[in-house]
Protein backbone atom coordinates (compact mmCIF):
# COMPACT_ATOMS: atom_id res chain seq x y z
CA MET A 1 19.48 54.52 69.10
CA ASN A 2 18.05 55.48 72.92
CA ARG A 3 14.39 54.60 73.88
CA GLY A 4 13.15 57.71 72.84
CA THR A 5 14.55 57.50 69.50
CA ALA A 6 13.38 54.05 69.07
CA ARG A 7 9.20 55.27 70.20
CA ILE A 8 9.40 57.83 67.58
CA VAL A 9 10.79 55.39 64.64
CA PHE A 10 8.31 52.21 65.63
CA THR A 11 5.37 55.39 66.33
CA LEU A 12 6.07 56.11 62.52
CA LEU A 13 6.58 52.96 61.12
CA MET A 14 3.12 51.82 63.17
CA TYR A 15 1.01 54.48 61.41
CA GLY A 16 2.92 53.77 58.08
CA GLY A 17 1.69 50.21 58.38
CA VAL A 18 -1.92 51.60 58.76
CA LEU A 19 -1.42 54.09 55.98
CA ILE A 20 -0.53 50.79 53.84
CA PHE A 21 -3.70 48.93 55.09
CA LEU A 22 -5.94 51.63 54.14
CA LEU A 23 -4.36 52.10 50.88
CA PRO A 24 -6.57 49.84 48.76
CA TYR A 25 -9.78 52.24 49.84
CA VAL A 26 -8.20 55.20 48.68
CA LEU A 27 -6.83 53.66 45.24
CA GLU A 28 -9.75 51.79 44.49
CA ARG A 29 -7.83 48.76 43.13
CA SER A 30 -8.83 45.07 43.89
CA ARG A 31 -5.90 43.67 42.67
CA PHE A 32 -3.08 44.67 45.01
CA ALA A 33 -5.61 45.40 47.86
CA PRO A 34 -5.07 41.61 49.63
CA PHE A 35 -0.92 42.12 49.39
CA LEU A 36 -1.36 45.67 50.76
CA MET A 37 -3.89 44.96 53.39
CA LEU A 38 -1.76 41.99 54.62
CA SER A 39 1.57 43.59 54.54
CA GLY A 40 0.19 46.55 56.42
CA ALA A 41 -1.69 44.58 59.39
CA ILE A 42 1.50 42.98 59.82
CA ILE A 43 3.78 45.81 59.80
CA ALA A 44 1.43 48.16 62.23
CA VAL A 45 1.33 45.04 64.06
CA VAL A 46 4.76 44.16 64.26
CA CYS A 47 5.75 47.83 64.71
CA GLY A 48 3.39 48.32 67.80
CA LEU A 49 4.37 45.68 69.90
CA LEU A 50 8.21 46.18 68.87
CA ARG A 51 7.06 49.80 70.52
CA CYS A 52 5.63 48.50 73.39
CA TYR A 53 8.73 46.05 74.27
CA PHE A 54 11.46 49.12 73.98
CA THR A 55 9.32 50.83 75.98
CA GLU A 56 7.93 49.20 78.50
CA ASN A 57 10.15 50.85 81.57
CA ASP A 58 10.16 54.26 80.45
CA GLU A 59 9.08 56.59 83.00
């Protein structure tokens, strides 16, 4: 996987994590809210950091 592809994949996964984080507000269910918010935040942060790591020397 080259750097351009990695950037696109990690960007999509990062935004997917944000959507998972915001999902409890849309569903209005409190039963799974802590799990969804925690997992969404972890996915967004990890994929954001990986995106920065893999694309730091791009020009």
